[in-house]
C-alpha cells in the first residue's frame, strides 16, 4: 500500500490516502504497452507509480505528434474524468512500470475532499495549457530548424560541473525529435550535422550535450522577433 503517496499531485493531501487507494486498481505494465488510446470512452485517472510513458496525439491524416514523456509520480487521464469525453491522446509505455487507476467518481471525491489536491490539479492543467500554447505558437511561426532548437532547450537540463552547458539524457532518437516538432527524421539528422559542425552540440555516452545553449536561445529569440516584424 501507500503507492499513491508517491504521486506528486497527492503528496501532503489532507485526506486518508489509504482509504482512496483501497478504491484503486494497480497493475504492472510492459514496454510498448498501450495504457490509453485515442477515443477510448473510459474515464479512469492513471497514477504512474513507476516507469516512463509517452504521450502523443494523432492528426486526421494519421500523423502522430509526440507531446512529451511522463515519469514516476505523474498523473494522466484527468481530462476525461473531469468532462466525460473520449480520450484525446495516446499513452504508451516506454519501460516496465506500475500504474494505479481510479474511477472518475472517486477522483472527484478526492478533489473535493482535499483543497491542496484541487489547487495542484488546477495548476497542473494551467501549466499544460501554457505548454501547448507555446508549442502551437512555435509550430505556427518557426521553421523546423528553430523548432528543433527550442525543443532541445525544452528537453535539456543543466550539466553538472559545466555551468554554461545543458544536456538531454538519454540522447533523443532523431525520429522521436521529428515527431515532436512535426518534420521528417532526415531533416533532423541534417540539422544535427550542422549543429555538430558549429560545435554547438556533442554526443557523449548517455547524453546529448548542448555546448552553447545561449546561442540556440538567441537564435530562437531572433526568429521570433523577425516574425513580429513580418
Protein backbone atom coordinates (compact mmCIF):
# COMPACT_ATOMS: atom_id res chain seq x y z
CA UNK A 1 0.00 0.00 0.00
CA UNK A 2 0.93 3.72 0.16
CA UNK A 3 1.51 3.74 -3.59
CA UNK A 4 -0.48 6.95 -4.04
CA UNK A 5 1.86 8.81 -1.69
CA UNK A 6 4.46 8.57 -4.48
CA UNK A 7 2.30 10.72 -6.77
CA UNK A 8 3.31 14.39 -6.64
CA UNK A 9 -0.29 15.56 -7.07
CA UNK A 10 -1.34 13.74 -3.91
CA UNK A 11 1.60 14.29 -1.58
CA UNK A 12 0.60 16.04 1.63
CA UNK A 13 -3.11 15.69 0.85
CA UNK A 14 -5.34 16.42 3.84
CA UNK A 15 -7.18 13.10 3.47
CA UNK A 16 -6.52 9.45 4.27
CA UNK A 17 -4.88 8.29 1.03
CA UNK A 18 -5.07 4.67 2.17
CA UNK A 19 -8.85 4.86 2.02
CA UNK A 20 -8.72 6.12 -1.56
CA UNK A 21 -6.00 3.68 -2.54
CA UNK A 22 -8.34 0.88 -1.48
CA UNK A 23 -10.64 2.08 -4.28
CA UNK A 24 -7.93 1.97 -6.96
CA UNK A 25 -6.68 -0.85 -9.16
CA UNK A 26 -2.92 -1.23 -9.55
CA UNK A 27 -1.11 -3.31 -12.15
CA UNK A 28 2.22 -3.73 -13.86
CA UNK A 29 2.78 -2.79 -17.49
CA UNK A 30 5.39 -3.70 -20.11
CA UNK A 31 7.34 -1.65 -22.68
CA UNK A 32 5.29 -0.62 -25.75
CA UNK A 33 2.02 -1.43 -23.98
CA UNK A 34 -0.81 1.00 -24.74
CA UNK A 35 -2.27 2.32 -21.50
CA UNK A 36 -4.69 4.82 -23.02
CA UNK A 37 -5.70 5.12 -26.67
CA UNK A 38 -7.40 7.71 -28.84
CA UNK A 39 -11.19 7.95 -28.49
CA UNK A 40 -11.21 5.43 -25.62
CA UNK A 41 -14.53 6.04 -23.79
CA UNK A 42 -13.09 5.17 -20.35
CA UNK A 43 -12.85 7.96 -17.76
CA UNK A 44 -10.38 6.50 -15.25
CA UNK A 45 -7.48 8.57 -13.95
CA UNK A 46 -4.00 7.00 -14.08
CA UNK A 47 -1.33 7.46 -11.42
CA UNK A 48 2.13 6.49 -12.63
CA UNK A 49 3.81 4.72 -9.72
CA UNK A 50 6.94 3.65 -11.61
CA UNK A 51 8.22 3.58 -15.18
CA UNK A 52 8.11 6.02 -18.12
CA UNK A 53 5.37 6.63 -20.69
CA UNK A 54 4.99 8.70 -23.85
CA UNK A 55 2.00 10.89 -24.72
CA UNK A 56 1.10 11.60 -28.34
CA UNK A 57 -1.78 12.84 -30.45
CA UNK A 58 -2.80 11.89 -33.99
CA UNK A 59 -3.94 14.23 -36.75
CA UNK A 60 -6.88 13.48 -39.03
CA UNK A 61 -4.43 12.36 -41.70
CA UNK A 62 -2.96 9.80 -39.32
CA UNK A 63 0.27 11.65 -38.50
CA UNK A 64 1.37 11.26 -34.90
CA UNK A 65 2.85 14.13 -32.88
CA UNK A 66 4.64 13.44 -29.61
CA UNK A 67 3.58 15.77 -26.82
CA UNK A 68 6.07 14.51 -24.26
CA UNK A 69 7.05 11.86 -21.75
CA UNK A 70 5.98 11.27 -18.17
CA UNK A 71 7.87 9.61 -15.34
CA UNK A 72 7.01 8.07 -11.99
CA UNK A 73 4.84 10.35 -9.87
CA UNK A 74 2.86 11.78 -12.80
CA UNK A 75 -0.87 11.64 -13.44
CA UNK A 76 -2.74 11.38 -16.75
CA UNK A 77 -6.27 10.80 -17.96
CA UNK A 78 -7.69 13.54 -15.77
CA UNK A 79 -9.42 15.39 -18.61
CA UNK A 80 -11.76 12.50 -19.42
CA UNK A 81 -12.51 12.13 -15.71
CA UNK A 82 -13.46 15.80 -15.47
CA UNK A 83 -15.56 16.21 -18.63
CA UNK A 84 -16.51 12.66 -19.60
CA UNK A 85 -15.38 12.99 -23.23
CA UNK A 86 -13.36 10.34 -25.13
CA UNK A 87 -9.59 10.32 -24.81
CA UNK A 88 -7.78 12.91 -26.91
CA UNK A 89 -4.32 11.31 -26.73
CA UNK A 90 -2.48 8.00 -26.71
CA UNK A 91 -0.27 6.99 -23.77
CA UNK A 92 2.22 4.17 -24.43
CA UNK A 93 4.73 2.64 -22.04
CA UNK A 94 8.43 3.21 -22.73
CA UNK A 95 9.62 0.96 -19.91
CA UNK A 96 8.30 -1.55 -17.44
CA UNK A 97 6.37 0.03 -14.61
CA UNK A 98 3.29 0.14 -12.46
CA UNK A 99 0.15 2.22 -12.74
CA UNK A 100 -2.85 2.68 -10.47
CA UNK A 101 -6.24 3.62 -11.94
CA UNK A 102 -9.02 5.43 -10.12
CA UNK A 103 -12.58 5.91 -11.34
CA UNK A 104 -13.74 9.40 -12.24
CA UNK A 105 -16.23 9.37 -9.36
CA UNK A 106 -13.58 8.53 -6.77
CA UNK A 107 -11.16 11.06 -8.29
CA UNK A 108 -13.75 13.82 -7.98
CA UNK A 109 -14.48 12.75 -4.42
CA UNK A 110 -10.77 13.08 -3.65
CA UNK A 111 -10.50 16.50 -5.29
CA UNK A 112 -13.48 17.91 -3.41
CA UNK A 113 -12.20 16.49 -0.12
CA UNK A 114 -8.66 17.83 -0.49
CA UNK A 115 -8.25 21.53 -1.37
CA UNK A 116 -4.49 21.07 -1.74
CA UNK A 117 -5.02 18.42 -4.42
CA UNK A 118 -7.60 20.59 -6.19
CA UNK A 119 -5.22 23.54 -6.22
CA UNK A 120 -2.38 21.40 -7.60
CA UNK A 121 -4.66 19.95 -10.26
CA UNK A 122 -5.69 23.42 -11.43
CA UNK A 123 -2.05 24.48 -11.59
CA UNK A 124 -1.16 21.31 -13.48
CA UNK A 125 -3.89 21.90 -16.06
CA UNK A 126 -2.89 25.55 -16.42
CA UNK A 127 0.74 24.58 -16.98
CA UNK A 128 -0.22 22.04 -19.63
CA UNK A 129 -2.35 24.62 -21.44
CA UNK A 130 0.53 27.12 -21.39
CA UNK A 131 2.94 24.46 -22.70
CA UNK A 132 0.56 23.61 -25.53
CA UNK A 133 0.08 27.29 -26.35
CA UNK A 134 3.85 27.70 -26.59
CA UNK A 135 4.19 24.71 -28.89
CA UNK A 136 1.32 25.87 -31.11
CA UNK A 137 3.00 29.26 -31.42
CA UNK A 138 6.32 27.65 -32.33
CA UNK A 139 4.73 25.42 -34.97
CA UNK A 140 2.97 28.45 -36.41
CA UNK A 141 5.83 30.94 -36.64
CA UNK A 142 9.11 28.99 -36.54
CA UNK A 143 10.74 26.93 -39.26
CA UNK A 144 11.85 23.39 -38.43
CA UNK A 145 15.41 24.48 -37.57
CA UNK A 146 14.28 26.86 -34.85
CA UNK A 147 11.60 24.44 -33.65
CA UNK A 148 14.40 21.91 -33.17
CA UNK A 149 16.48 24.42 -31.20
CA UNK A 150 13.50 25.21 -29.00
CA UNK A 151 12.69 21.54 -28.41
CA UNK A 152 16.27 20.69 -27.48
CA UNK A 153 16.31 23.55 -24.98
CA UNK A 154 12.99 22.40 -23.54
CA UNK A 155 14.22 18.82 -23.11
CA UNK A 156 17.56 19.78 -21.60
CA UNK A 157 18.73 20.24 -18.02
CA UNK A 158 21.86 21.97 -16.66
CA UNK A 159 25.03 19.89 -17.00
CA UNK A 160 26.66 19.18 -13.67
CA UNK A 161 30.09 20.77 -13.44
CA UNK A 162 29.65 22.74 -16.67
CA UNK A 163 27.87 25.98 -15.88
CA UNK A 164 27.30 27.08 -19.48
CA UNK A 165 26.19 23.72 -20.88
CA UNK A 166 22.98 21.72 -20.83
CA UNK A 167 22.28 18.04 -21.55
CA UNK A 168 19.45 15.93 -22.90
CA UNK A 169 19.61 12.50 -21.31
CA UNK A 170 19.15 9.93 -22.57
CA UNK A 171 20.05 11.32 -26.01
CA UNK A 172 16.87 11.54 -28.13
CA UNK A 173 16.41 9.48 -31.27
CA UNK A 174 16.12 11.55 -34.44
CA UNK A 175 12.75 10.06 -35.39
CA UNK A 176 11.39 10.94 -31.93
CA UNK A 177 12.52 14.55 -32.24
CA UNK A 178 10.98 14.66 -35.71
CA UNK A 179 7.65 13.51 -34.27
CA UNK A 180 7.89 16.16 -31.57
CA UNK A 181 8.44 19.09 -33.95
CA UNK A 182 6.49 17.91 -36.99
CA UNK A 183 9.09 17.07 -39.62
CA UNK A 184 10.97 14.08 -41.10
CA UNK A 185 13.80 12.19 -39.44
CA UNK A 186 16.16 13.05 -42.29
CA UNK A 187 15.64 16.76 -41.66
CA UNK A 188 16.59 16.37 -38.00
CA UNK A 189 19.68 14.40 -38.98
CA UNK A 190 20.81 17.19 -41.33
CA UNK A 191 20.31 19.83 -38.64
CA UNK A 192 22.28 17.76 -36.12
CA UNK A 193 25.15 17.53 -38.60
CA UNK A 194 25.14 21.31 -38.95
CA UNK A 195 24.99 21.87 -35.18
CA UNK A 196 27.86 19.45 -34.59
CA UNK A 197 29.90 21.23 -37.26
CA UNK A 198 29.33 24.51 -35.42
CA UNK A 199 30.41 22.85 -32.16
CA UNK A 200 27.03 23.62 -30.64
CA UNK A 201 26.19 20.01 -29.74
CA UNK A 202 28.20 16.96 -28.77
CA UNK A 203 27.03 13.40 -28.26
CA UNK A 204 28.58 11.60 -25.30
CA UNK A 205 27.83 8.27 -23.69
CA UNK A 206 24.29 8.61 -22.38
CA UNK A 207 23.68 12.27 -23.25
CA UNK A 208 23.40 14.92 -25.92
CA UNK A 209 25.36 17.97 -24.76
CA UNK A 210 24.24 21.46 -25.76
CA UNK A 211 27.62 23.22 -25.75
CA UNK A 212 26.24 26.74 -26.25
CA UNK A 213 22.57 26.79 -25.26
CA UNK A 214 22.78 30.58 -25.14
CA UNK A 215 23.41 30.61 -28.90
CA UNK A 216 20.38 28.41 -29.54
CA UNK A 217 18.26 30.63 -27.30
CA UNK A 218 19.38 33.77 -29.10
CA UNK A 219 18.62 32.22 -32.49
CA UNK A 220 15.10 31.28 -31.41
CA UNK A 221 14.55 34.76 -29.96
CA UNK A 222 15.78 36.37 -33.18
CA UNK A 223 13.45 34.19 -35.26
CA UNK A 224 10.50 35.21 -33.10
CA UNK A 225 11.41 38.88 -33.41
CA UNK A 226 11.66 38.51 -37.16
CA UNK A 227 8.15 37.08 -37.26
CA UNK A 228 6.86 40.03 -35.20
CA UNK A 229 8.28 42.42 -37.81
CA UNK A 230 6.82 40.46 -40.72
